[in-house]
Amino acid sequence: MTGESDGLLQSRVLAGEREVYARLVDRHRDRLGRYALRMLGNRADAEDALQDTFVRAYRSLARCKPEGFGPWVFGILVNRCRTYAARRARIQGVMVTDDVAMARASVEHSEERDGIRDSIRWALEQLPAEQREAFLLKHVEDLSYDAMEEMTGVRLSALRMRVFRAREELRKLLAETVRD
């Protein structure tokens, strides 16, 4: 990767160097892909949402603030994940997980970590989608509440409450798992 900033790459794409967009995609793909996989639970939907996100971002790149590509494209992905999850819920009525894809998304593979990871994944899946989304944005993606508000369009107070409720529910669910 070159040392060029997102803003410089963006201006080059807007100036007609369309092939430069691949660098922006490469730079942000892994992080966005991990989020999509955690939100949607299976690799196929995550890949579809990710591809759709980058296509939409390309088409409306002129609307992105200079040096704001990362948060802007993340916001598009959040909305695409919502759409894909809602569509799947209407079609299937259940949440499906791709265990192989979830295992690949992690770095370490010890048995103990796998058990902990499985418990956390299970607990996250039990949360309502709004709480899961807010929790992942805050505690996994490490975004500020202001960035979350800008990205999701949800009021700050509502986001804080969603994260709080998600934490409380996760504590309860994980405590039950430990007791079992």
Protein backbone atom coordinates (compact mmCIF):
# COMPACT_ATOMS: atom_id res chain seq x y z
CA MET A 1 0.00 0.00 0.00
CA THR A 2 1.19 3.47 -0.69
CA GLY A 3 1.35 6.19 1.91
CA GLU A 4 -1.39 8.12 0.14
CA SER A 5 -4.26 9.22 2.36
CA ASP A 6 -7.85 8.22 1.74
CA GLY A 7 -8.57 11.82 0.73
CA LEU A 8 -5.84 11.82 -1.91
CA LEU A 9 -6.98 8.46 -3.29
CA GLN A 10 -10.55 9.72 -3.32
CA SER A 11 -9.61 12.87 -5.24
CA ARG A 12 -7.68 10.75 -7.77
CA VAL A 13 -10.73 8.53 -8.31
CA LEU A 14 -12.95 11.58 -8.73
CA ALA A 15 -10.44 13.01 -11.22
CA GLY A 16 -10.92 9.96 -13.44
CA GLU A 17 -8.40 7.40 -12.13
CA ARG A 18 -11.09 4.80 -11.48
CA GLU A 19 -8.59 1.97 -10.91
CA VAL A 20 -7.33 3.78 -7.77
CA TYR A 21 -10.64 2.95 -6.07
CA ALA A 22 -9.28 -0.60 -5.58
CA ARG A 23 -6.74 0.82 -3.13
CA LEU A 24 -9.51 2.32 -1.00
CA VAL A 25 -11.35 -0.98 -1.10
CA ASP A 26 -8.22 -2.93 -0.12
CA ARG A 27 -7.49 -0.53 2.72
CA HIS A 28 -10.92 -0.87 4.35
CA ARG A 29 -12.11 -4.32 3.27
CA ASP A 30 -10.85 -6.39 6.22
CA ARG A 31 -12.31 -4.18 8.96
CA LEU A 32 -15.63 -3.77 7.18
CA GLY A 33 -15.75 -7.46 6.37
CA ARG A 34 -15.26 -8.44 10.03
CA TYR A 35 -18.10 -6.13 11.06
CA ALA A 36 -20.43 -7.45 8.34
CA LEU A 37 -19.68 -11.04 9.32
CA ARG A 38 -20.38 -10.35 12.99
CA MET A 39 -23.62 -8.53 12.20
CA LEU A 40 -24.98 -10.94 9.61
CA GLY A 41 -23.59 -14.23 10.90
CA ASN A 42 -22.66 -15.84 7.60
CA ARG A 43 -20.02 -15.26 4.99
CA ALA A 44 -22.31 -15.13 1.94
CA ASP A 45 -24.49 -12.33 3.30
CA ALA A 46 -21.45 -10.49 4.66
CA GLU A 47 -19.71 -10.63 1.27
CA ASP A 48 -22.86 -9.48 -0.51
CA ALA A 49 -23.34 -6.57 1.89
CA LEU A 50 -19.67 -5.63 1.60
CA GLN A 51 -19.70 -5.71 -2.20
CA ASP A 52 -22.94 -3.73 -2.29
CA THR A 53 -21.39 -1.20 0.10
CA PHE A 54 -18.33 -0.61 -2.06
CA VAL A 55 -20.44 -0.30 -5.22
CA ARG A 56 -22.74 2.24 -3.56
CA ALA A 57 -19.75 4.12 -2.15
CA TYR A 58 -18.16 4.31 -5.58
CA ARG A 59 -21.34 5.63 -7.18
CA SER A 60 -21.71 8.40 -4.61
CA LEU A 61 -18.04 9.08 -3.85
CA ALA A 62 -18.42 12.77 -4.72
CA ARG A 63 -20.67 13.16 -1.65
CA CYS A 64 -17.97 11.93 0.72
CA LYS A 65 -16.06 14.57 2.68
CA PRO A 66 -12.32 14.66 1.97
CA GLU A 67 -10.47 12.46 4.48
CA GLY A 68 -13.80 11.03 5.64
CA PHE A 69 -13.96 7.92 3.49
CA GLY A 70 -13.47 5.38 6.31
CA PRO A 71 -16.36 6.48 8.55
CA TRP A 72 -18.53 7.31 5.54
CA VAL A 73 -18.17 3.87 3.94
CA PHE A 74 -18.65 2.26 7.36
CA GLY A 75 -21.99 4.07 7.64
CA ILE A 76 -23.04 2.70 4.27
CA LEU A 77 -22.11 -0.80 5.45
CA VAL A 78 -24.13 -0.42 8.66
CA ASN A 79 -27.19 0.40 6.58
CA ARG A 80 -26.55 -2.43 4.13
CA CYS A 81 -26.22 -4.89 7.03
CA ARG A 82 -29.55 -3.68 8.39
CA THR A 83 -31.15 -4.22 5.00
CA TYR A 84 -29.66 -7.68 4.52
CA ALA A 85 -30.62 -8.77 8.05
CA ALA A 86 -34.17 -7.52 7.63
CA ARG A 87 -34.50 -9.21 4.25
CA ARG A 88 -33.19 -12.50 5.65
CA ALA A 89 -35.50 -12.26 8.66
CA ARG A 90 -38.47 -11.83 6.34
CA ILE A 91 -37.40 -14.75 4.17
CA GLN A 92 -36.11 -17.21 6.75
CA GLY A 93 -37.40 -16.01 10.07
CA VAL A 94 -34.25 -17.29 11.77
CA MET A 95 -30.62 -16.25 12.23
CA VAL A 96 -28.16 -18.56 10.51
CA THR A 97 -24.46 -18.63 11.36
CA ASP A 98 -21.55 -19.85 9.34
CA ASP A 99 -19.26 -21.47 11.94
CA VAL A 100 -16.37 -21.86 9.50
CA ALA A 101 -16.47 -18.18 8.57
CA MET A 102 -16.68 -17.08 12.20
CA ALA A 103 -13.66 -19.22 13.06
CA ARG A 104 -11.68 -17.66 10.19
CA ALA A 105 -12.56 -14.17 11.43
CA SER A 106 -10.72 -14.84 14.68
CA VAL A 107 -6.98 -14.75 15.18
CA GLU A 108 -6.33 -17.40 17.84
CA HIS A 109 -7.61 -20.97 17.75
CA SER A 110 -7.08 -22.55 21.17
CA GLU A 111 -9.87 -24.75 22.52
CA GLU A 112 -10.49 -22.45 25.48
CA ARG A 113 -10.69 -19.41 23.23
CA ASP A 114 -13.03 -21.30 20.90
CA GLY A 115 -15.36 -22.03 23.82
CA ILE A 116 -15.31 -18.42 24.96
CA ARG A 117 -15.78 -17.19 21.39
CA ASP A 118 -18.72 -19.55 20.89
CA SER A 119 -20.36 -18.30 24.08
CA ILE A 120 -19.87 -14.67 23.10
CA ARG A 121 -21.12 -15.28 19.56
CA TRP A 122 -24.17 -17.08 20.93
CA ALA A 123 -24.85 -14.25 23.41
CA LEU A 124 -24.49 -11.58 20.70
CA GLU A 125 -26.96 -13.47 18.50
CA GLN A 126 -29.50 -13.35 21.34
CA LEU A 127 -29.48 -9.55 21.36
CA PRO A 128 -31.97 -7.56 19.32
CA ALA A 129 -30.31 -6.35 16.10
CA GLU A 130 -30.29 -2.70 17.24
CA GLN A 131 -28.46 -3.55 20.45
CA ARG A 132 -26.03 -5.90 18.69
CA GLU A 133 -25.23 -3.21 16.11
CA ALA A 134 -24.63 -0.52 18.76
CA PHE A 135 -22.53 -2.86 20.91
CA LEU A 136 -20.34 -3.95 18.00
CA LEU A 137 -19.82 -0.38 16.80
CA LYS A 138 -18.86 0.80 20.29
CA HIS A 139 -16.90 -2.11 21.74
CA VAL A 140 -15.58 -4.03 18.75
CA GLU A 141 -15.06 -1.25 16.22
CA ASP A 142 -14.16 1.19 19.04
CA LEU A 143 -16.13 4.10 17.60
CA SER A 144 -17.11 7.18 19.56
CA TYR A 145 -20.78 7.81 20.19
CA ASP A 146 -20.56 10.88 17.94
CA ALA A 147 -19.19 8.76 15.08
CA MET A 148 -21.88 6.15 15.72
CA GLU A 149 -24.58 8.83 15.63
CA GLU A 150 -23.30 10.20 12.34
CA MET A 151 -22.96 6.74 10.86
CA THR A 152 -26.33 5.30 11.92
CA GLY A 153 -28.55 8.36 12.11
CA VAL A 154 -29.68 7.26 15.58
CA ARG A 155 -29.75 9.85 18.37
CA LEU A 156 -26.88 9.83 20.86
CA SER A 157 -29.11 9.07 23.84
CA ALA A 158 -30.67 6.10 22.06
CA LEU A 159 -27.25 4.74 21.13
CA ARG A 160 -26.02 5.03 24.71
CA MET A 161 -29.12 3.19 25.93
CA ARG A 162 -28.72 0.45 23.32
CA VAL A 163 -25.09 -0.13 24.30
CA PHE A 164 -26.00 -0.10 28.00
CA ARG A 165 -28.84 -2.59 27.49
CA ALA A 166 -26.65 -4.79 25.29
CA ARG A 167 -23.95 -4.90 27.97
CA GLU A 168 -26.46 -5.75 30.67
CA GLU A 169 -28.06 -8.49 28.59
CA LEU A 170 -24.67 -9.91 27.60
CA ARG A 171 -23.64 -10.01 31.27
CA LYS A 172 -26.77 -11.99 32.13
CA LEU A 173 -26.45 -14.35 29.18
CA LEU A 174 -22.77 -15.01 29.72
CA ALA A 175 -23.26 -15.51 33.46
CA GLU A 176 -25.88 -18.15 32.65
CA THR A 177 -23.45 -19.82 30.25
CA VAL A 178 -20.74 -19.98 32.91
CA ARG A 179 -23.16 -21.54 35.42
CA ASP A 180 -24.26 -24.25 32.94
